[in-house]
PDB file of N, CA and C in Angstrom:
ATOM      1  N   PHE A   1     -33.692 -11.278 -18.139  1.00  0.00           N
ATOM      2  CA  PHE A   1     -33.487 -12.722 -17.932  1.00  0.00           C
ATOM      3  C   PHE A   1     -32.169 -12.977 -17.213  1.00  0.00           C
ATOM      4  N   TRP A   2     -32.053 -14.129 -16.609  1.00  0.00           N
ATOM      5  CA  TRP A   2     -30.935 -14.412 -15.786  1.00  0.00           C
ATOM      6  C   TRP A   2     -29.627 -14.520 -16.541  1.00  0.00           C
ATOM      7  N   ASP A   3     -29.707 -14.811 -17.868  1.00  0.00           N
ATOM      8  CA  ASP A   3     -28.441 -14.979 -18.638  1.00  0.00           C
ATOM      9  C   ASP A   3     -28.115 -13.670 -19.403  1.00  0.00           C
ATOM     10  N   ASP A   4     -28.792 -12.631 -19.145  1.00  0.00           N
ATOM     11  CA  ASP A   4     -28.432 -11.367 -19.876  1.00  0.00           C
ATOM     12  C   ASP A   4     -27.170 -10.767 -19.313  1.00  0.00           C
ATOM     13  N   GLN A   5     -26.368 -10.252 -20.202  1.00  0.00           N
ATOM     14  CA  GLN A   5     -25.126  -9.556 -19.743  1.00  0.00           C
ATOM     15  C   GLN A   5     -25.030  -8.186 -20.417  1.00  0.00           C
ATOM     16  N   LEU A   6     -24.353  -7.291 -19.728  1.00  0.00           N
ATOM     17  CA  LEU A   6     -24.153  -5.965 -20.300  1.00  0.00           C
ATOM     18  C   LEU A   6     -23.132  -6.080 -21.373  1.00  0.00           C
ATOM     19  N   THR A   7     -23.251  -5.196 -22.415  1.00  0.00           N
ATOM     20  CA  THR A   7     -22.184  -5.132 -23.405  1.00  0.00           C
ATOM     21  C   THR A   7     -21.069  -4.245 -22.779  1.00  0.00           C
ATOM     22  N   SER A   8     -19.900  -4.252 -23.381  1.00  0.00           N
ATOM     23  CA  SER A   8     -18.787  -3.477 -22.942  1.00  0.00           C
ATOM     24  C   SER A   8     -19.164  -1.967 -23.090  1.00  0.00           C
ATOM     25  N   ASP A   9     -19.951  -1.554 -24.091  1.00  0.00           N
ATOM     26  CA  ASP A   9     -20.415  -0.164 -24.234  1.00  0.00           C
ATOM     27  C   ASP A   9     -21.314   0.217 -23.087  1.00  0.00           C
ATOM     28  N   GLU A  10     -22.174  -0.697 -22.647  1.00  0.00           N
ATOM     29  CA  GLU A  10     -23.131  -0.414 -21.569  1.00  0.00           C
ATOM     30  C   GLU A  10     -22.318  -0.285 -20.259  1.00  0.00           C
ATOM     31  N   GLU A  11     -21.335  -1.185 -20.079  1.00  0.00           N
ATOM     32  CA  GLU A  11     -20.497  -1.079 -18.835  1.00  0.00           C
ATOM     33  C   GLU A  11     -19.746   0.244 -18.807  1.00  0.00           C
ATOM     34  N   ASP A  12     -19.206   0.663 -19.925  1.00  0.00           N
ATOM     35  CA  ASP A  12     -18.493   1.941 -19.998  1.00  0.00           C
ATOM     36  C   ASP A  12     -19.438   3.104 -19.759  1.00  0.00           C
ATOM     37  N   LEU A  13     -20.629   3.033 -20.225  1.00  0.00           N
ATOM     38  CA  LEU A  13     -21.571   4.120 -19.964  1.00  0.00           C
ATOM     39  C   LEU A  13     -21.895   4.262 -18.450  1.00  0.00           C
ATOM     40  N   ILE A  14     -22.137   3.061 -17.817  1.00  0.00           N
ATOM     41  CA  ILE A  14     -22.416   3.089 -16.396  1.00  0.00           C
ATOM     42  C   ILE A  14     -21.164   3.568 -15.603  1.00  0.00           C
ATOM     43  N   CYS A  15     -20.011   3.232 -15.978  1.00  0.00           N
ATOM     44  CA  CYS A  15     -18.751   3.613 -15.292  1.00  0.00           C
ATOM     45  C   CYS A  15     -18.364   5.094 -15.579  1.00  0.00           C
ATOM     46  N   GLY A  16     -19.024   5.708 -16.542  1.00  0.00           N
ATOM     47  CA  GLY A  16     -18.663   7.092 -16.905  1.00  0.00           C
ATOM     48  C   GLY A  16     -17.340   7.089 -17.624  1.00  0.00           C
ATOM     49  N   CYS A  17     -17.101   6.233 -18.589  1.00  0.00           N
ATOM     50  CA  CYS A  17     -15.821   6.070 -19.224  1.00  0.00           C
ATOM     51  C   CYS A  17     -15.718   6.978 -20.466  1.00  0.00           C
ATOM     52  N   TYR A  18     -14.550   7.627 -20.590  1.00  0.00           N
ATOM     53  CA  TYR A  18     -14.279   8.484 -21.745  1.00  0.00           C
ATOM     54  C   TYR A  18     -12.988   7.978 -22.421  1.00  0.00           C
ATOM     55  N   GLU A  19     -13.004   8.175 -23.708  1.00  0.00           N
ATOM     56  CA  GLU A  19     -11.740   7.926 -24.526  1.00  0.00           C
ATOM     57  C   GLU A  19     -11.007   9.224 -24.551  1.00  0.00           C
ATOM     58  N   VAL A  20      -9.779   9.269 -23.968  1.00  0.00           N
ATOM     59  CA  VAL A  20      -9.051  10.501 -23.865  1.00  0.00           C
ATOM     60  C   VAL A  20      -7.723  10.388 -24.643  1.00  0.00           C
ATOM     61  N   TRP A  21      -7.444  11.363 -25.488  1.00  0.00           N
ATOM     62  CA  TRP A  21      -6.263  11.397 -26.308  1.00  0.00           C
ATOM     63  C   TRP A  21      -5.211  12.238 -25.591  1.00  0.00           C
ATOM     64  N   THR A  22      -4.068  11.635 -25.231  1.00  0.00           N
ATOM     65  CA  THR A  22      -2.973  12.339 -24.588  1.00  0.00           C
ATOM     66  C   THR A  22      -1.653  11.922 -25.311  1.00  0.00           C
ATOM     67  N   GLY A  23      -1.675  11.949 -26.621  1.00  0.00           N
ATOM     68  CA  GLY A  23      -0.568  11.429 -27.420  1.00  0.00           C
ATOM     69  C   GLY A  23      -0.880   9.989 -27.780  1.00  0.00           C
ATOM     70  N   GLU A  24      -1.705   9.358 -27.072  1.00  0.00           N
ATOM     71  CA  GLU A  24      -2.175   7.952 -27.345  1.00  0.00           C
ATOM     72  C   GLU A  24      -3.557   7.888 -26.670  1.00  0.00           C
ATOM     73  N   VAL A  25      -4.323   6.872 -27.064  1.00  0.00           N
ATOM     74  CA  VAL A  25      -5.658   6.764 -26.494  1.00  0.00           C
ATOM     75  C   VAL A  25      -5.585   6.140 -25.151  1.00  0.00           C
ATOM     76  N   HIS A  26      -6.261   6.709 -24.175  1.00  0.00           N
ATOM     77  CA  HIS A  26      -6.469   6.171 -22.831  1.00  0.00           C
ATOM     78  C   HIS A  26      -7.957   6.123 -22.518  1.00  0.00           C
ATOM     79  N   PHE A  27      -8.420   5.188 -21.821  1.00  0.00           N
ATOM     80  CA  PHE A  27      -9.762   5.157 -21.321  1.00  0.00           C
ATOM     81  C   PHE A  27      -9.779   5.501 -19.861  1.00  0.00           C
ATOM     82  N   LYS A  28     -10.514   6.634 -19.571  1.00  0.00           N
ATOM     83  CA  LYS A  28     -10.550   7.096 -18.181  1.00  0.00           C
ATOM     84  C   LYS A  28     -11.982   7.125 -17.735  1.00  0.00           C
ATOM     85  N   SER A  29     -12.199   6.826 -16.458  1.00  0.00           N
ATOM     86  CA  SER A  29     -13.596   6.748 -15.989  1.00  0.00           C
ATOM     87  C   SER A  29     -13.723   7.244 -14.567  1.00  0.00           C
ATOM     88  N   TRP A  30     -14.986   7.626 -14.274  1.00  0.00           N
ATOM     89  CA  TRP A  30     -15.351   8.138 -12.956  1.00  0.00           C
ATOM     90  C   TRP A  30     -15.333   7.015 -11.885  1.00  0.00           C
ATOM     91  N   TRP A  31     -15.691   5.821 -12.403  1.00  0.00           N
ATOM     92  CA  TRP A  31     -15.774   4.618 -11.525  1.00  0.00           C
ATOM     93  C   TRP A  31     -14.997   3.481 -12.169  1.00  0.00           C
ATOM     94  N   PRO A  32     -14.505   2.558 -11.348  1.00  0.00           N
ATOM     95  CA  PRO A  32     -13.707   1.500 -11.992  1.00  0.00           C
ATOM     96  C   PRO A  32     -14.477   0.638 -12.955  1.00  0.00           C
ATOM     97  N   ARG A  33     -13.879   0.339 -14.070  1.00  0.00           N
ATOM     98  CA  ARG A  33     -14.442  -0.507 -15.034  1.00  0.00           C
ATOM     99  C   ARG A  33     -14.342  -2.016 -14.493  1.00  0.00           C
ATOM    100  N   PRO A  34     -15.212  -2.892 -15.006  1.00  0.00           N
ATOM    101  CA  PRO A  34     -15.273  -4.260 -14.447  1.00  0.00           C
ATOM    102  C   PRO A  34     -13.925  -4.950 -14.363  1.00  0.00           C
ATOM    103  N   ILE A  35     -13.076  -4.745 -15.330  1.00  0.00           N
ATOM    104  CA  ILE A  35     -11.730  -5.365 -15.339  1.00  0.00           C
ATOM    105  C   ILE A  35     -10.922  -4.914 -14.173  1.00  0.00           C
ATOM    106  N   SER A  36     -11.046  -3.646 -13.720  1.00  0.00           N
ATOM    107  CA  SER A  36     -10.324  -3.201 -12.574  1.00  0.00           C
ATOM    108  C   SER A  36     -11.040  -3.547 -11.285  1.00  0.00           C
ATOM    109  N   TRP A  37     -12.334  -3.559 -11.310  1.00  0.00           N
ATOM    110  CA  TRP A  37     -13.039  -3.943 -10.082  1.00  0.00           C
ATOM    111  C   TRP A  37     -12.766  -5.426  -9.682  1.00  0.00           C
ATOM    112  N   LYS A  38     -12.717  -6.258 -10.721  1.00  0.00           N
ATOM    113  CA  LYS A  38     -12.467  -7.699 -10.467  1.00  0.00           C
ATOM    114  C   LYS A  38     -11.203  -7.955  -9.734  1.00  0.00           C
ATOM    115  N   SER A  39     -10.161  -7.085 -10.012  1.00  0.00           N
ATOM    116  CA  SER A  39      -8.831  -7.388  -9.312  1.00  0.00           C
ATOM    117  C   SER A  39      -8.691  -6.477  -8.038  1.00  0.00           C
ATOM    118  N   SER A  40      -9.762  -5.833  -7.676  1.00  0.00           N
ATOM    119  CA  SER A  40      -9.683  -4.995  -6.475  1.00  0.00           C
ATOM    120  C   SER A  40      -9.987  -5.798  -5.230  1.00  0.00           C
ATOM    121  N   GLY A  41      -9.605  -5.254  -4.063  1.00  0.00           N
ATOM    122  CA  GLY A  41      -9.926  -5.882  -2.798  1.00  0.00           C
ATOM    123  C   GLY A  41     -11.386  -5.833  -2.446  1.00  0.00           C
ATOM    124  N   PHE A  42     -12.147  -5.051  -3.133  1.00  0.00           N
ATOM    125  CA  PHE A  42     -13.590  -4.966  -2.885  1.00  0.00           C
ATOM    126  C   PHE A  42     -14.442  -6.048  -3.609  1.00  0.00           C
ATOM    127  N   ASN A  43     -13.772  -6.754  -4.510  1.00  0.00           N
ATOM    128  CA  ASN A  43     -14.539  -7.785  -5.207  1.00  0.00           C
ATOM    129  C   ASN A  43     -14.482  -9.083  -4.441  1.00  0.00           C
ATOM    130  N   CYS A  44     -15.473  -9.203  -3.556  1.00  0.00           N
ATOM    131  CA  CYS A  44     -15.542 -10.369  -2.722  1.00  0.00           C
ATOM    132  C   CYS A  44     -16.793 -11.215  -3.031  1.00  0.00           C
ATOM    133  N   GLY A  45     -17.488 -10.924  -4.124  1.00  0.00           N
ATOM    134  CA  GLY A  45     -18.673 -11.730  -4.549  1.00  0.00           C
ATOM    135  C   GLY A  45     -19.933 -11.148  -4.134  1.00  0.00           C
ATOM    136  N   TYR A  46     -19.914 -10.032  -3.318  1.00  0.00           N
ATOM    137  CA  TYR A  46     -21.168  -9.316  -2.947  1.00  0.00           C
ATOM    138  C   TYR A  46     -20.819  -7.885  -2.596  1.00  0.00           C
ATOM    139  N   TRP A  47     -21.792  -7.029  -2.465  1.00  0.00           N
ATOM    140  CA  TRP A  47     -21.560  -5.631  -2.196  1.00  0.00           C
ATOM    141  C   TRP A  47     -21.366  -5.483  -0.674  1.00  0.00           C
ATOM    142  N   SER A  48     -20.173  -5.254  -0.242  1.00  0.00           N
ATOM    143  CA  SER A  48     -19.835  -5.259   1.174  1.00  0.00           C
ATOM    144  C   SER A  48     -19.958  -3.844   1.800  1.00  0.00           C
ATOM    145  N   ASN A  49     -19.881  -3.798   3.075  1.00  0.00           N
ATOM    146  CA  ASN A  49     -19.994  -2.502   3.753  1.00  0.00           C
ATOM    147  C   ASN A  49     -18.722  -1.662   3.366  1.00  0.00           C
ATOM    148  N   ASP A  50     -17.566  -2.325   3.203  1.00  0.00           N
ATOM    149  CA  ASP A  50     -16.379  -1.582   2.819  1.00  0.00           C
ATOM    150  C   ASP A  50     -16.555  -1.034   1.364  1.00  0.00           C
ATOM    151  N   ALA A  51     -17.147  -1.761   0.510  1.00  0.00           N
ATOM    152  CA  ALA A  51     -17.416  -1.280  -0.858  1.00  0.00           C
ATOM    153  C   ALA A  51     -18.379  -0.082  -0.818  1.00  0.00           C
ATOM    154  N   GLU A  52     -19.398  -0.165  -0.036  1.00  0.00           N
ATOM    155  CA  GLU A  52     -20.344   0.876   0.109  1.00  0.00           C
ATOM    156  C   GLU A  52     -19.728   2.175   0.656  1.00  0.00           C
ATOM    157  N   ASP A  53     -18.902   1.984   1.714  1.00  0.00           N
ATOM    158  CA  ASP A  53     -18.157   3.170   2.270  1.00  0.00           C
ATOM    159  C   ASP A  53     -17.252   3.761   1.280  1.00  0.00           C
ATOM    160  N   TRP A  54     -16.535   2.976   0.450  1.00  0.00           N
ATOM    161  CA  TRP A  54     -15.664   3.508  -0.589  1.00  0.00           C
ATOM    162  C   TRP A  54     -16.505   4.248  -1.610  1.00  0.00           C
ATOM    163  N   PHE A  55     -17.635   3.630  -2.081  1.00  0.00           N
ATOM    164  CA  PHE A  55     -18.513   4.259  -3.034  1.00  0.00           C
ATOM    165  C   PHE A  55     -19.013   5.673  -2.561  1.00  0.00           C
ATOM    166  N   GLN A  56     -19.501   5.669  -1.337  1.00  0.00           N
ATOM    167  CA  GLN A  56     -19.987   6.931  -0.824  1.00  0.00           C
ATOM    168  C   GLN A  56     -18.933   7.974  -0.692  1.00  0.00           C
ATOM    169  N   GLN A  57     -17.707   7.601  -0.354  1.00  0.00           N
ATOM    170  CA  GLN A  57     -16.628   8.595  -0.257  1.00  0.00           C
ATOM    171  C   GLN A  57     -16.277   9.109  -1.689  1.00  0.00           C
ATOM    172  N   ARG A  58     -16.216   8.238  -2.651  1.00  0.00           N
ATOM    173  CA  ARG A  58     -15.902   8.661  -4.013  1.00  0.00           C
ATOM    174  C   ARG A  58     -17.039   9.547  -4.504  1.00  0.00           C
ATOM    175  N   LEU A  59     -18.321   9.199  -4.315  1.00  0.00           N
ATOM    176  CA  LEU A  59     -19.386   9.975  -4.783  1.00  0.00           C
ATOM    177  C   LEU A  59     -19.409  11.363  -4.146  1.00  0.00           C
ATOM    178  N   ASN A  60     -19.150  11.406  -2.881  1.00  0.00           N
ATOM    179  CA  ASN A  60     -19.020  12.667  -2.138  1.00  0.00           C
ATOM    180  C   ASN A  60     -17.894  13.547  -2.712  1.00  0.00           C
ATOM    181  N   ALA A  61     -16.786  12.914  -3.010  1.00  0.00           N
ATOM    182  CA  ALA A  61     -15.677  13.692  -3.612  1.00  0.00           C
ATOM    183  C   ALA A  61     -16.034  14.156  -4.976  1.00  0.00           C
ATOM    184  N   ILE A  62     -16.741  13.411  -5.765  1.00  0.00           N
ATOM    185  CA  ILE A  62     -17.182  13.846  -7.117  1.00  0.00           C
ATOM    186  C   ILE A  62     -18.126  15.058  -7.016  1.00  0.00           C
ATOM    187  N   ARG A  63     -19.057  14.957  -6.045  1.00  0.00           N
ATOM    188  CA  ARG A  63     -20.081  15.996  -5.879  1.00  0.00           C
ATOM    189  C   ARG A  63     -19.477  17.258  -5.342  1.00  0.00           C
ATOM    190  N   HIS A  64     -18.537  17.201  -4.389  1.00  0.00           N
ATOM    191  CA  HIS A  64     -18.137  18.392  -3.647  1.00  0.00           C
ATOM    192  C   HIS A  64     -16.652  18.847  -3.855  1.00  0.00           C
ATOM    193  N   SER A  65     -15.858  18.030  -4.524  1.00  0.00           N
ATOM    194  CA  SER A  65     -14.463  18.372  -4.716  1.00  0.00           C
ATOM    195  C   SER A  65     -14.104  18.330  -6.228  1.00  0.00           C
ATOM    196  N   SER A  66     -14.924  18.933  -7.035  1.00  0.00           N
ATOM    197  CA  SER A  66     -14.725  18.685  -8.464  1.00  0.00           C
ATOM    198  C   SER A  66     -13.387  19.170  -8.973  1.00  0.00           C
ATOM    199  N   ASP A  67     -12.696  20.068  -8.284  1.00  0.00           N
ATOM    200  CA  ASP A  67     -11.376  20.486  -8.672  1.00  0.00           C
ATOM    201  C   ASP A  67     -10.310  19.445  -8.498  1.00  0.00           C
ATOM    202  N   SER A  68     -10.427  18.639  -7.482  1.00  0.00           N
ATOM    203  CA  SER A  68      -9.387  17.660  -7.167  1.00  0.00           C
ATOM    204  C   SER A  68      -9.688  16.238  -7.607  1.00  0.00           C
ATOM    205  N   ILE A  69     -10.872  15.992  -7.916  1.00  0.00           N
ATOM    206  CA  ILE A  69     -11.281  14.580  -8.341  1.00  0.00           C
ATOM    207  C   ILE A  69     -10.951  14.419  -9.780  1.00  0.00           C
ATOM    208  N   GLN A  70     -10.435  13.269 -10.189  1.00  0.00           N
ATOM    209  CA  GLN A  70     -10.024  13.000 -11.558  1.00  0.00           C
ATOM    210  C   GLN A  70     -10.556  11.694 -12.090  1.00  0.00           C
ATOM    211  N   LEU A  71     -10.749  11.682 -13.318  1.00  0.00           N
ATOM    212  CA  LEU A  71     -10.990  10.394 -14.052  1.00  0.00           C
ATOM    213  C   LEU A  71      -9.695   9.546 -13.968  1.00  0.00           C
ATOM    214  N   LEU A  72      -9.864   8.256 -13.813  1.00  0.00           N
ATOM    215  CA  LEU A  72      -8.675   7.382 -13.766  1.00  0.00           C
ATOM    216  C   LEU A  72      -8.658   6.357 -14.825  1.00  0.00           C
ATOM    217  N   THR A  73      -7.464   5.922 -15.203  1.00  0.00           N
ATOM    218  CA  THR A  73      -7.305   4.797 -16.158  1.00  0.00           C
ATOM    219  C   THR A  73      -7.452   3.479 -15.393  1.00  0.00           C
ATOM    220  N   ASN A  74      -7.531   2.345 -16.160  1.00  0.00           N
ATOM    221  CA  ASN A  74      -7.598   1.081 -15.511  1.00  0.00           C
ATOM    222  C   ASN A  74      -6.394   0.868 -14.590  1.00  0.00           C
ATOM    223  N   ASN A  75      -5.223   1.213 -15.012  1.00  0.00           N
ATOM    224  CA  ASN A  75      -4.056   1.022 -14.205  1.00  0.00           C
ATOM    225  C   ASN A  75      -4.094   1.870 -12.920  1.00  0.00           C
ATOM    226  N   GLN A  76      -4.615   3.121 -13.048  1.00  0.00           N
ATOM    227  CA  GLN A  76      -4.680   3.919 -11.895  1.00  0.00           C
ATOM    228  C   GLN A  76      -5.724   3.412 -10.901  1.00  0.00           C
ATOM    229  N   TRP A  77      -6.802   2.847 -11.408  1.00  0.00           N
ATOM    230  CA  TRP A  77      -7.744   2.203 -10.491  1.00  0.00           C
ATOM    231  C   TRP A  77      -7.169   1.056  -9.758  1.00  0.00           C
ATOM    232  N   ARG A  78      -6.310   0.362 -10.376  1.00  0.00           N
ATOM    233  CA  ARG A  78      -5.676  -0.900  -9.749  1.00  0.00           C
ATOM    234  C   ARG A  78      -4.620  -0.550  -8.702  1.00  0.00           C
ATOM    235  N   SER A  79      -4.087   0.663  -8.774  1.00  0.00           N
ATOM    236  CA  SER A  79      -2.989   1.042  -7.841  1.00  0.00           C
ATOM    237  C   SER A  79      -3.473   1.710  -6.600  1.00  0.00           C
TER     238      SER A  79
END
């Protein structure tokens, strides 16, 4: 339905989010969570060519550079 929304658990699942303990709890994810995406330069109201290019580069890095690619926190996604 048009008014359906994802729960935060569903969003975290889609983003590949993990709860990581490093002396305190951090949430790290393969992809930016909605709160980070909303404040990014890619959030222009539609899926742009720039967003697609970024997505493909990140996906390629995940697939082929597993040693150097890292899960990021919300703050890391924003920087």
